[in-house]
Amino acid sequence: MASLPLFSPSFMPRQGGGLARPARVEPPPRTETVPADAVAPSSPPPQERTLRHTESVLREAGLAGRFWRGDALSASPLPSTPSGFRLLDEQLPNGGWPSRCLTELLLAHAGVGEIRFLASTLSSLTQSGREVVLLAPPHGPDPAGWEQLGIDMRRVLIVRSSRPADRLWALEESLRSAAFGALLAWLPEDKALARHDVLRRLQSAAASTDGLTFLMRPAAAQYHASPAPLRMSLAVGQPVGHRRTLSVRLLKRRGPVLAQPLTLMLPEVRQSLRAFKGDASHRLTATFATDDADEVEKR
């Protein structure tokens, strides 16, 4: 059995005799607990303080919805209309088609899929009693095909115009009337229609109406500046089985840049519909309603 020491080291006898004084034990340092709510928060960095101040000033001036941070989608108080594609709505400010502004759809060619792309929106508008105006479409819509897409043709107004000046006048008058749910206008790259001042005038007119305004322009227009807040290019995507897809690239939006295009599944439509009711001289393998109107064959 191990022997226990009889003296602690503090009381061990000195070599010179006598007992050693006990070692001085220092008291533990006093700690004081501070309530969590009494701790002063660290001040944000200068850049964050500037952003907060700017946002506060914009809110007080009633301009909060007209400015946005470049790393986030804009949140506007104006109403929006769902596109019918969840993947696209997630990338659009306010989760849908914006009102009171121009939306440019830049087409690889007429009939690339623009009507099926907008079918859900047009169906919702016409079924609720709103009017849809088609200004200078490249082909006459077939009622049977459009009805398959759920679009009430009784609510569709077609405006024919071949001269650029007349087309521009009809477009501006339609925007001023504000009596439509959606306006679809096909604009060629004509010098009289593609000028920046003309587009800015159209954007200003669209800002006064609650309807949706879509401008169909050639794909080459993407290389020119435009005042339209939302611009996207449409091209034929890789088919999925027997289903057609549309490749949608967001070129401009009130938010950060989206590098990759979106691939959207288009709704199906029965094929071999006539482009013009009662006209048997020309048949389309898929009419304007099925968005393949560029493929024309004679009987």
C-alpha atoms as a PDB file:
ATOM      1  CA  MET A   1       0.000   0.000   0.000  1.00  0.00           C
ATOM      2  CA  ALA A   2       1.370   3.397  -0.985  1.00  0.00           C
ATOM      3  CA  SER A   3       2.165   5.732   1.871  1.00  0.00           C
ATOM      4  CA  LEU A   4       0.404   9.061   1.960  1.00  0.00           C
ATOM      5  CA  PRO A   5       2.408  12.223   2.607  1.00  0.00           C
ATOM      6  CA  LEU A   6       2.041  13.611   6.122  1.00  0.00           C
ATOM      7  CA  PHE A   7       2.520  17.181   5.022  1.00  0.00           C
ATOM      8  CA  SER A   8       1.246  19.043   2.041  1.00  0.00           C
ATOM      9  CA  PRO A   9       3.908  20.813  -0.045  1.00  0.00           C
ATOM     10  CA  SER A  10       2.884  24.124   1.523  1.00  0.00           C
ATOM     11  CA  PHE A  11       3.793  22.913   4.998  1.00  0.00           C
ATOM     12  CA  MET A  12       6.885  20.976   4.137  1.00  0.00           C
ATOM     13  CA  PRO A  13       9.723  22.022   6.484  1.00  0.00           C
ATOM     14  CA  ARG A  14      12.388  24.265   5.094  1.00  0.00           C
ATOM     15  CA  GLN A  15      15.871  22.979   4.760  1.00  0.00           C
ATOM     16  CA  GLY A  16      16.996  25.605   7.252  1.00  0.00           C
ATOM     17  CA  GLY A  17      14.344  24.520   9.749  1.00  0.00           C
ATOM     18  CA  GLY A  18      10.947  25.908  10.606  1.00  0.00           C
ATOM     19  CA  LEU A  19       7.691  25.630   8.740  1.00  0.00           C
ATOM     20  CA  ALA A  20       7.002  27.283   5.389  1.00  0.00           C
ATOM     21  CA  ARG A  21       4.223  29.779   5.125  1.00  0.00           C
ATOM     22  CA  PRO A  22       1.139  28.593   3.283  1.00  0.00           C
ATOM     23  CA  ALA A  23       1.006  29.618  -0.395  1.00  0.00           C
ATOM     24  CA  ARG A  24      -1.271  32.550  -1.147  1.00  0.00           C
ATOM     25  CA  VAL A  25      -4.292  31.522  -3.163  1.00  0.00           C
ATOM     26  CA  GLU A  26      -5.541  34.217  -5.535  1.00  0.00           C
ATOM     27  CA  PRO A  27      -9.354  34.586  -5.666  1.00  0.00           C
ATOM     28  CA  PRO A  28     -10.948  33.822  -9.033  1.00  0.00           C
ATOM     29  CA  PRO A  29     -11.584  36.868 -11.208  1.00  0.00           C
ATOM     30  CA  ARG A  30     -15.041  38.347 -10.886  1.00  0.00           C
ATOM     31  CA  THR A  31     -17.227  37.927 -13.963  1.00  0.00           C
ATOM     32  CA  GLU A  32     -20.308  39.993 -14.568  1.00  0.00           C
ATOM     33  CA  THR A  33     -23.083  38.701 -16.808  1.00  0.00           C
ATOM     34  CA  VAL A  34     -24.533  41.306 -19.190  1.00  0.00           C
ATOM     35  CA  PRO A  35     -28.072  40.760 -20.547  1.00  0.00           C
ATOM     36  CA  ALA A  36     -28.172  39.955 -24.237  1.00  0.00           C
ATOM     37  CA  ASP A  37     -30.473  42.873 -25.022  1.00  0.00           C
ATOM     38  CA  ALA A  38     -28.035  45.284 -23.349  1.00  0.00           C
ATOM     39  CA  VAL A  39     -25.230  44.498 -25.810  1.00  0.00           C
ATOM     40  CA  ALA A  40     -24.979  47.195 -28.465  1.00  0.00           C
ATOM     41  CA  PRO A  41     -25.393  45.692 -31.974  1.00  0.00           C
ATOM     42  CA  SER A  42     -22.487  46.064 -34.320  1.00  0.00           C
ATOM     43  CA  SER A  43     -23.105  48.757 -36.900  1.00  0.00           C
ATOM     44  CA  PRO A  44     -23.541  47.575 -40.514  1.00  0.00           C
ATOM     45  CA  PRO A  45     -20.832  48.363 -43.033  1.00  0.00           C
ATOM     46  CA  PRO A  46     -21.032  51.743 -44.814  1.00  0.00           C
ATOM     47  CA  GLN A  47     -22.314  50.227 -48.064  1.00  0.00           C
ATOM     48  CA  GLU A  48     -25.194  48.482 -46.290  1.00  0.00           C
ATOM     49  CA  ARG A  49     -26.070  51.672 -44.407  1.00  0.00           C
ATOM     50  CA  THR A  50     -26.194  53.575 -47.705  1.00  0.00           C
ATOM     51  CA  LEU A  51     -28.503  50.957 -49.255  1.00  0.00           C
ATOM     52  CA  ARG A  52     -30.846  51.027 -46.273  1.00  0.00           C
ATOM     53  CA  HIS A  53     -30.990  54.802 -46.339  1.00  0.00           C
ATOM     54  CA  THR A  54     -31.700  54.808 -50.088  1.00  0.00           C
ATOM     55  CA  GLU A  55     -34.482  52.249 -49.731  1.00  0.00           C
ATOM     56  CA  SER A  56     -36.018  54.282 -46.912  1.00  0.00           C
ATOM     57  CA  VAL A  57     -35.973  57.457 -49.018  1.00  0.00           C
ATOM     58  CA  LEU A  58     -37.552  55.635 -51.988  1.00  0.00           C
ATOM     59  CA  ARG A  59     -40.325  54.218 -49.795  1.00  0.00           C
ATOM     60  CA  GLU A  60     -41.109  57.650 -48.394  1.00  0.00           C
ATOM     61  CA  ALA A  61     -41.248  59.078 -51.923  1.00  0.00           C
ATOM     62  CA  GLY A  62     -43.539  56.273 -53.150  1.00  0.00           C
ATOM     63  CA  LEU A  63     -40.919  55.011 -55.609  1.00  0.00           C
ATOM     64  CA  ALA A  64     -40.053  51.703 -53.957  1.00  0.00           C
ATOM     65  CA  GLY A  65     -41.329  49.623 -56.891  1.00  0.00           C
ATOM     66  CA  ARG A  66     -39.442  51.544 -59.569  1.00  0.00           C
ATOM     67  CA  PHE A  67     -35.940  50.790 -58.370  1.00  0.00           C
ATOM     68  CA  TRP A  68     -34.345  47.489 -57.471  1.00  0.00           C
ATOM     69  CA  ARG A  69     -31.015  46.061 -56.449  1.00  0.00           C
ATOM     70  CA  GLY A  70     -29.046  44.454 -59.243  1.00  0.00           C
ATOM     71  CA  ASP A  71     -28.705  41.153 -57.395  1.00  0.00           C
ATOM     72  CA  ALA A  72     -32.457  40.647 -56.857  1.00  0.00           C
ATOM     73  CA  LEU A  73     -35.675  40.649 -58.883  1.00  0.00           C
ATOM     74  CA  SER A  74     -37.735  43.798 -58.825  1.00  0.00           C
ATOM     75  CA  ALA A  75     -40.804  43.817 -56.570  1.00  0.00           C
ATOM     76  CA  SER A  76     -43.374  46.107 -58.176  1.00  0.00           C
ATOM     77  CA  PRO A  77     -46.771  46.996 -56.687  1.00  0.00           C
ATOM     78  CA  LEU A  78     -48.286  46.659 -60.178  1.00  0.00           C
ATOM     79  CA  PRO A  79     -50.286  43.484 -60.907  1.00  0.00           C
ATOM     80  CA  SER A  80     -48.794  40.666 -62.960  1.00  0.00           C
ATOM     81  CA  THR A  81     -50.325  37.794 -64.933  1.00  0.00           C
ATOM     82  CA  PRO A  82     -49.006  34.206 -64.640  1.00  0.00           C
ATOM     83  CA  SER A  83     -47.408  32.898 -67.817  1.00  0.00           C
ATOM     84  CA  GLY A  84     -48.575  29.327 -67.295  1.00  0.00           C
ATOM     85  CA  PHE A  85     -44.975  28.109 -66.935  1.00  0.00           C
ATOM     86  CA  ARG A  86     -43.789  27.786 -63.345  1.00  0.00           C
ATOM     87  CA  LEU A  87     -40.142  27.756 -64.430  1.00  0.00           C
ATOM     88  CA  LEU A  88     -40.589  31.065 -66.251  1.00  0.00           C
ATOM     89  CA  ASP A  89     -42.689  32.745 -63.551  1.00  0.00           C
ATOM     90  CA  GLU A  90     -39.902  32.095 -61.037  1.00  0.00           C
ATOM     91  CA  GLN A  91     -37.585  34.201 -63.204  1.00  0.00           C
ATOM     92  CA  LEU A  92     -39.994  37.074 -63.885  1.00  0.00           C
ATOM     93  CA  PRO A  93     -40.373  40.069 -61.554  1.00  0.00           C
ATOM     94  CA  ASN A  94     -43.570  39.709 -59.504  1.00  0.00           C
ATOM     95  CA  GLY A  95     -43.900  36.120 -60.738  1.00  0.00           C
ATOM     96  CA  GLY A  96     -45.590  36.741 -64.095  1.00  0.00           C
ATOM     97  CA  TRP A  97     -46.051  38.973 -67.131  1.00  0.00           C
ATOM     98  CA  PRO A  98     -45.685  42.613 -66.070  1.00  0.00           C
ATOM     99  CA  SER A  99     -48.424  45.122 -66.851  1.00  0.00           C
ATOM    100  CA  ARG A 100     -47.992  48.740 -67.945  1.00  0.00           C
ATOM    101  CA  CYS A 101     -44.873  48.086 -69.994  1.00  0.00           C
ATOM    102  CA  LEU A 102     -43.634  46.555 -73.228  1.00  0.00           C
ATOM    103  CA  THR A 103     -42.583  42.927 -73.387  1.00  0.00           C
ATOM    104  CA  GLU A 104     -40.494  42.094 -76.433  1.00  0.00           C
ATOM    105  CA  LEU A 105     -40.505  38.553 -77.821  1.00  0.00           C
ATOM    106  CA  LEU A 106     -37.662  38.229 -80.318  1.00  0.00           C
ATOM    107  CA  LEU A 107     -38.444  35.404 -82.725  1.00  0.00           C
ATOM    108  CA  ALA A 108     -36.030  33.238 -84.644  1.00  0.00           C
ATOM    109  CA  HIS A 109     -38.814  33.146 -87.275  1.00  0.00           C
ATOM    110  CA  ALA A 110     -42.555  33.729 -87.346  1.00  0.00           C
ATOM    111  CA  GLY A 111     -44.398  30.694 -86.009  1.00  0.00           C
ATOM    112  CA  VAL A 112     -41.555  29.572 -83.746  1.00  0.00           C
ATOM    113  CA  GLY A 113     -44.081  28.845 -80.996  1.00  0.00           C
ATOM    114  CA  GLU A 114     -45.136  32.290 -79.794  1.00  0.00           C
ATOM    115  CA  ILE A 115     -48.876  31.563 -79.716  1.00  0.00           C
ATOM    116  CA  ARG A 116     -48.560  28.311 -77.807  1.00  0.00           C
ATOM    117  CA  PHE A 117     -46.094  30.097 -75.558  1.00  0.00           C
ATOM    118  CA  LEU A 118     -48.759  32.697 -74.711  1.00  0.00           C
ATOM    119  CA  ALA A 119     -51.728  30.299 -74.898  1.00  0.00           C
ATOM    120  CA  SER A 120     -52.263  29.965 -71.146  1.00  0.00           C
ATOM    121  CA  THR A 121     -52.267  33.742 -70.675  1.00  0.00           C
ATOM    122  CA  LEU A 122     -54.559  34.385 -73.656  1.00  0.00           C
ATOM    123  CA  SER A 123     -56.909  31.626 -72.529  1.00  0.00           C
ATOM    124  CA  SER A 124     -57.160  33.070 -69.033  1.00  0.00           C
ATOM    125  CA  LEU A 125     -57.853  36.566 -70.360  1.00  0.00           C
ATOM    126  CA  THR A 126     -60.488  35.613 -72.922  1.00  0.00           C
ATOM    127  CA  GLN A 127     -62.249  33.196 -70.577  1.00  0.00           C
ATOM    128  CA  SER A 128     -62.595  36.059 -68.079  1.00  0.00           C
ATOM    129  CA  GLY A 129     -64.116  38.325 -70.732  1.00  0.00           C
ATOM    130  CA  ARG A 130     -61.035  40.388 -71.634  1.00  0.00           C
ATOM    131  CA  GLU A 131     -60.260  41.292 -75.244  1.00  0.00           C
ATOM    132  CA  VAL A 132     -57.124  40.181 -77.111  1.00  0.00           C
ATOM    133  CA  VAL A 133     -55.925  42.332 -80.030  1.00  0.00           C
ATOM    134  CA  LEU A 134     -53.742  40.865 -82.785  1.00  0.00           C
ATOM    135  CA  LEU A 135     -52.047  43.598 -84.789  1.00  0.00           C
ATOM    136  CA  ALA A 136     -50.689  42.599 -88.207  1.00  0.00           C
ATOM    137  CA  PRO A 137     -50.187  38.857 -87.544  1.00  0.00           C
ATOM    138  CA  PRO A 138     -48.149  37.133 -90.288  1.00  0.00           C
ATOM    139  CA  HIS A 139     -50.892  34.528 -90.849  1.00  0.00           C
ATOM    140  CA  GLY A 140     -54.593  34.299 -90.176  1.00  0.00           C
ATOM    141  CA  PRO A 141     -55.335  32.339 -86.982  1.00  0.00           C
ATOM    142  CA  ASP A 142     -57.448  29.215 -87.381  1.00  0.00           C
ATOM    143  CA  PRO A 143     -60.345  29.332 -84.886  1.00  0.00           C
ATOM    144  CA  ALA A 144     -60.368  25.554 -84.342  1.00  0.00           C
ATOM    145  CA  GLY A 145     -56.707  25.478 -83.371  1.00  0.00           C
ATOM    146  CA  TRP A 146     -57.034  28.445 -81.045  1.00  0.00           C
ATOM    147  CA  GLU A 147     -60.096  26.929 -79.389  1.00  0.00           C
ATOM    148  CA  GLN A 148     -58.024  23.830 -78.661  1.00  0.00           C
ATOM    149  CA  LEU A 149     -55.671  26.081 -76.752  1.00  0.00           C
ATOM    150  CA  GLY A 150     -58.597  27.347 -74.685  1.00  0.00           C
ATOM    151  CA  ILE A 151     -58.721  30.773 -76.353  1.00  0.00           C
ATOM    152  CA  ASP A 152     -62.221  32.193 -76.864  1.00  0.00           C
ATOM    153  CA  MET A 153     -62.106  33.531 -80.432  1.00  0.00           C
ATOM    154  CA  ARG A 154     -65.136  35.729 -79.754  1.00  0.00           C
ATOM    155  CA  ARG A 155     -62.792  37.864 -77.663  1.00  0.00           C
ATOM    156  CA  VAL A 156     -60.051  38.103 -80.342  1.00  0.00           C
ATOM    157  CA  LEU A 157     -59.830  41.197 -82.547  1.00  0.00           C
ATOM    158  CA  ILE A 158     -57.566  41.099 -85.626  1.00  0.00           C
ATOM    159  CA  VAL A 159     -56.204  44.351 -87.084  1.00  0.00           C
ATOM    160  CA  ARG A 160     -54.709  44.175 -90.583  1.00  0.00           C
ATOM    161  CA  SER A 161     -52.113  46.725 -91.617  1.00  0.00           C
ATOM    162  CA  SER A 162     -49.376  46.473 -94.229  1.00  0.00           C
ATOM    163  CA  ARG A 163     -47.914  49.985 -94.275  1.00  0.00           C
ATOM    164  CA  PRO A 164     -45.499  50.705 -91.411  1.00  0.00           C
ATOM    165  CA  ALA A 165     -47.055  54.113 -90.717  1.00  0.00           C
ATOM    166  CA  ASP A 166     -50.541  52.608 -90.480  1.00  0.00           C
ATOM    167  CA  ARG A 167     -49.295  49.801 -88.258  1.00  0.00           C
ATOM    168  CA  LEU A 168     -47.646  52.254 -85.899  1.00  0.00           C
ATOM    169  CA  TRP A 169     -50.786  54.420 -85.774  1.00  0.00           C
ATOM    170  CA  ALA A 170     -52.982  51.387 -85.020  1.00  0.00           C
ATOM    171  CA  LEU A 171     -50.579  50.258 -82.305  1.00  0.00           C
ATOM    172  CA  GLU A 172     -50.516  53.632 -80.570  1.00  0.00           C
ATOM    173  CA  GLU A 173     -54.292  54.015 -80.790  1.00  0.00           C
ATOM    174  CA  SER A 174     -54.789  50.548 -79.314  1.00  0.00           C
ATOM    175  CA  LEU A 175     -52.502  51.419 -76.403  1.00  0.00           C
ATOM    176  CA  ARG A 176     -54.347  54.683 -75.789  1.00  0.00           C
ATOM    177  CA  SER A 177     -57.718  52.955 -75.732  1.00  0.00           C
ATOM    178  CA  ALA A 178     -56.606  50.618 -72.907  1.00  0.00           C
ATOM    179  CA  ALA A 179     -59.623  48.452 -73.743  1.00  0.00           C
ATOM    180  CA  PHE A 180     -57.782  45.146 -74.027  1.00  0.00           C
ATOM    181  CA  GLY A 181     -56.436  42.386 -71.862  1.00  0.00           C
ATOM    182  CA  ALA A 182     -53.490  41.703 -74.161  1.00  0.00           C
ATOM    183  CA  LEU A 183     -52.113  43.317 -77.298  1.00  0.00           C
ATOM    184  CA  LEU A 184     -49.907  41.259 -79.624  1.00  0.00           C
ATOM    185  CA  ALA A 185     -48.181  43.264 -82.362  1.00  0.00           C
ATOM    186  CA  TRP A 186     -45.808  41.938 -85.006  1.00  0.00           C
ATOM    187  CA  LEU A 187     -43.221  44.574 -85.900  1.00  0.00           C
ATOM    188  CA  PRO A 188     -40.702  44.041 -88.699  1.00  0.00           C
ATOM    189  CA  GLU A 189     -37.267  45.624 -88.534  1.00  0.00           C
ATOM    190  CA  ASP A 190     -38.497  48.605 -90.500  1.00  0.00           C
ATOM    191  CA  LYS A 191     -36.664  51.916 -90.057  1.00  0.00           C
ATOM    192  CA  ALA A 192     -39.916  53.657 -89.215  1.00  0.00           C
ATOM    193  CA  LEU A 193     -40.857  51.102 -86.525  1.00  0.00           C
ATOM    194  CA  ALA A 194     -37.513  50.098 -85.006  1.00  0.00           C
ATOM    195  CA  ARG A 195     -36.271  53.579 -84.118  1.00  0.00           C
ATOM    196  CA  HIS A 196     -35.437  54.050 -80.449  1.00  0.00           C
ATOM    197  CA  ASP A 197     -37.648  57.132 -80.124  1.00  0.00           C
ATOM    198  CA  VAL A 198     -40.606  55.201 -81.562  1.00  0.00           C
ATOM    199  CA  LEU A 199     -40.112  52.342 -79.100  1.00  0.00           C
ATOM    200  CA  ARG A 200     -39.778  54.814 -76.226  1.00  0.00           C
ATOM    201  CA  ARG A 201     -43.064  56.411 -77.268  1.00  0.00           C
ATOM    202  CA  LEU A 202     -44.718  52.996 -77.293  1.00  0.00           C
ATOM    203  CA  GLN A 203     -43.282  52.204 -73.857  1.00  0.00           C
ATOM    204  CA  SER A 204     -44.679  55.477 -72.537  1.00  0.00           C
ATOM    205  CA  ALA A 205     -48.116  54.676 -73.986  1.00  0.00           C
ATOM    206  CA  ALA A 206     -48.040  51.120 -72.563  1.00  0.00           C
ATOM    207  CA  ALA A 207     -47.343  52.526 -69.094  1.00  0.00           C
ATOM    208  CA  SER A 208     -50.838  54.022 -69.028  1.00  0.00           C
ATOM    209  CA  THR A 209     -52.728  50.778 -69.609  1.00  0.00           C
ATOM    210  CA  ASP A 210     -53.315  47.770 -67.368  1.00  0.00           C
ATOM    211  CA  GLY A 211     -53.245  45.308 -70.278  1.00  0.00           C
ATOM    212  CA  LEU A 212     -50.304  43.193 -71.411  1.00  0.00           C
ATOM    213  CA  THR A 213     -48.369  44.433 -74.443  1.00  0.00           C
ATOM    214  CA  PHE A 214     -46.248  42.008 -76.449  1.00  0.00           C
ATOM    215  CA  LEU A 215     -44.109  43.130 -79.379  1.00  0.00           C
ATOM    216  CA  MET A 216     -43.013  40.359 -81.747  1.00  0.00           C
ATOM    217  CA  ARG A 217     -39.734  41.379 -83.370  1.00  0.00           C
ATOM    218  CA  PRO A 218     -37.039  39.548 -85.354  1.00  0.00           C
ATOM    219  CA  ALA A 219     -34.226  37.937 -83.393  1.00  0.00           C
ATOM    220  CA  ALA A 220     -31.730  40.422 -84.869  1.00  0.00           C
ATOM    221  CA  ALA A 221     -33.337  43.165 -82.740  1.00  0.00           C
ATOM    222  CA  GLN A 222     -31.572  41.774 -79.667  1.00  0.00           C
ATOM    223  CA  TYR A 223     -28.384  43.537 -80.769  1.00  0.00           C
ATOM    224  CA  HIS A 224     -30.064  46.945 -80.584  1.00  0.00           C
ATOM    225  CA  ALA A 225     -31.035  48.864 -77.457  1.00  0.00           C
ATOM    226  CA  SER A 226     -34.676  48.993 -76.448  1.00  0.00           C
ATOM    227  CA  PRO A 227     -36.615  50.758 -73.659  1.00  0.00           C
ATOM    228  CA  ALA A 228     -38.718  47.631 -73.070  1.00  0.00           C
ATOM    229  CA  PRO A 229     -38.143  46.453 -69.463  1.00  0.00           C
ATOM    230  CA  LEU A 230     -38.567  42.781 -70.437  1.00  0.00           C
ATOM    231  CA  ARG A 231     -36.986  41.187 -73.496  1.00  0.00           C
ATOM    232  CA  MET A 232     -36.601  37.518 -74.354  1.00  0.00           C
ATOM    233  CA  SER A 233     -35.645  35.540 -77.430  1.00  0.00           C
ATOM    234  CA  LEU A 234     -37.618  32.474 -78.535  1.00  0.00           C
ATOM    235  CA  ALA A 235     -36.174  29.584 -80.518  1.00  0.00           C
ATOM    236  CA  VAL A 236     -37.149  25.996 -81.203  1.00  0.00           C
ATOM    237  CA  GLY A 237     -35.883  23.698 -78.456  1.00  0.00           C
ATOM    238  CA  GLN A 238     -34.946  20.040 -78.507  1.00  0.00           C
ATOM    239  CA  PRO A 239     -38.126  17.902 -78.601  1.00  0.00           C
ATOM    240  CA  VAL A 240     -38.941  15.692 -75.637  1.00  0.00           C
ATOM    241  CA  GLY A 241     -40.436  12.557 -77.147  1.00  0.00           C
ATOM    242  CA  HIS A 242     -43.196  13.794 -79.431  1.00  0.00           C
ATOM    243  CA  ARG A 243     -43.605  17.054 -77.492  1.00  0.00           C
ATOM    244  CA  ARG A 244     -42.261  20.342 -78.798  1.00  0.00           C
ATOM    245  CA  THR A 245     -40.222  22.600 -76.567  1.00  0.00           C
ATOM    246  CA  LEU A 246     -39.291  26.254 -76.700  1.00  0.00           C
ATOM    247  CA  SER A 247     -35.901  27.660 -75.766  1.00  0.00           C
ATOM    248  CA  VAL A 248     -36.423  30.979 -73.961  1.00  0.00           C
ATOM    249  CA  ARG A 249     -33.481  33.236 -73.212  1.00  0.00           C
ATOM    250  CA  LEU A 250     -34.073  36.203 -70.917  1.00  0.00           C
ATOM    251  CA  LEU A 251     -32.118  39.068 -72.460  1.00  0.00           C
ATOM    252  CA  LYS A 252     -33.335  41.846 -70.204  1.00  0.00           C
ATOM    253  CA  ARG A 253     -35.368  41.977 -67.015  1.00  0.00           C
ATOM    254  CA  ARG A 254     -35.558  44.026 -63.837  1.00  0.00           C
ATOM    255  CA  GLY A 255     -33.151  41.801 -62.005  1.00  0.00           C
ATOM    256  CA  PRO A 256     -29.854  39.905 -62.355  1.00  0.00           C
ATOM    257  CA  VAL A 257     -28.704  38.368 -65.616  1.00  0.00           C
ATOM    258  CA  LEU A 258     -29.857  34.797 -66.299  1.00  0.00           C
ATOM    259  CA  ALA A 259     -27.055  33.114 -68.221  1.00  0.00           C
ATOM    260  CA  GLN A 260     -28.757  29.860 -69.198  1.00  0.00           C
ATOM    261  CA  PRO A 261     -31.893  29.639 -71.400  1.00  0.00           C
ATOM    262  CA  LEU A 262     -35.095  28.055 -70.120  1.00  0.00           C
ATOM    263  CA  THR A 263     -36.567  25.024 -71.870  1.00  0.00           C
ATOM    264  CA  LEU A 264     -40.364  25.056 -71.742  1.00  0.00           C
ATOM    265  CA  MET A 265     -42.776  22.337 -72.835  1.00  0.00           C
ATOM    266  CA  LEU A 266     -45.386  23.706 -75.246  1.00  0.00           C
ATOM    267  CA  PRO A 267     -49.039  22.604 -75.100  1.00  0.00           C
ATOM    268  CA  GLU A 268     -50.098  20.095 -77.706  1.00  0.00           C
ATOM    269  CA  VAL A 269     -52.458  20.933 -80.564  1.00  0.00           C
ATOM    270  CA  ARG A 270     -54.061  18.645 -83.143  1.00  0.00           C
ATOM    271  CA  GLN A 271     -52.196  18.932 -86.442  1.00  0.00           C
ATOM    272  CA  SER A 272     -53.300  19.574 -90.069  1.00  0.00           C
ATOM    273  CA  LEU A 273     -55.609  22.491 -89.333  1.00  0.00           C
ATOM    274  CA  ARG A 274     -56.414  25.030 -92.029  1.00  0.00           C
ATOM    275  CA  ALA A 275     -54.970  28.491 -91.683  1.00  0.00           C
ATOM    276  CA  PHE A 276     -57.973  30.153 -93.317  1.00  0.00           C
ATOM    277  CA  LYS A 277     -61.478  28.856 -92.690  1.00  0.00           C
ATOM    278  CA  GLY A 278     -63.096  27.698 -95.925  1.00  0.00           C
ATOM    279  CA  ASP A 279     -59.934  28.173 -98.028  1.00  0.00           C
ATOM    280  CA  ALA A 280     -59.009  24.820 -99.574  1.00  0.00           C
ATOM    281  CA  SER A 281     -56.311  26.126-101.896  1.00  0.00           C
ATOM    282  CA  HIS A 282     -53.644  26.245 -99.216  1.00  0.00           C
ATOM    283  CA  ARG A 283     -53.123  23.930 -96.291  1.00  0.00           C
ATOM    284  CA  LEU A 284     -50.648  24.179 -93.451  1.00  0.00           C
ATOM    285  CA  THR A 285     -49.049  21.149 -91.901  1.00  0.00           C
ATOM    286  CA  ALA A 286     -49.579  23.136 -88.719  1.00  0.00           C
ATOM    287  CA  THR A 287     -51.421  26.415 -88.814  1.00  0.00           C
ATOM    288  CA  PHE A 288     -50.657  29.690 -87.092  1.00  0.00           C
ATOM    289  CA  ALA A 289     -52.510  28.214 -84.144  1.00  0.00           C
ATOM    290  CA  THR A 290     -49.904  25.473 -83.947  1.00  0.00           C
ATOM    291  CA  ASP A 291     -47.092  27.935 -84.656  1.00  0.00           C
ATOM    292  CA  ASP A 292     -45.589  26.234 -87.709  1.00  0.00           C
ATOM    293  CA  ALA A 293     -47.096  28.570 -90.261  1.00  0.00           C
ATOM    294  CA  ASP A 294     -43.805  28.908 -92.098  1.00  0.00           C
ATOM    295  CA  GLU A 295     -44.238  25.349 -93.399  1.00  0.00           C
ATOM    296  CA  VAL A 296     -46.751  25.813 -96.225  1.00  0.00           C
ATOM    297  CA  GLU A 297     -47.577  23.215 -98.826  1.00  0.00           C
ATOM    298  CA  LYS A 298     -50.130  23.310-101.640  1.00  0.00           C
ATOM    299  CA  ARG A 299     -52.698  20.625-102.081  1.00  0.00           C
END
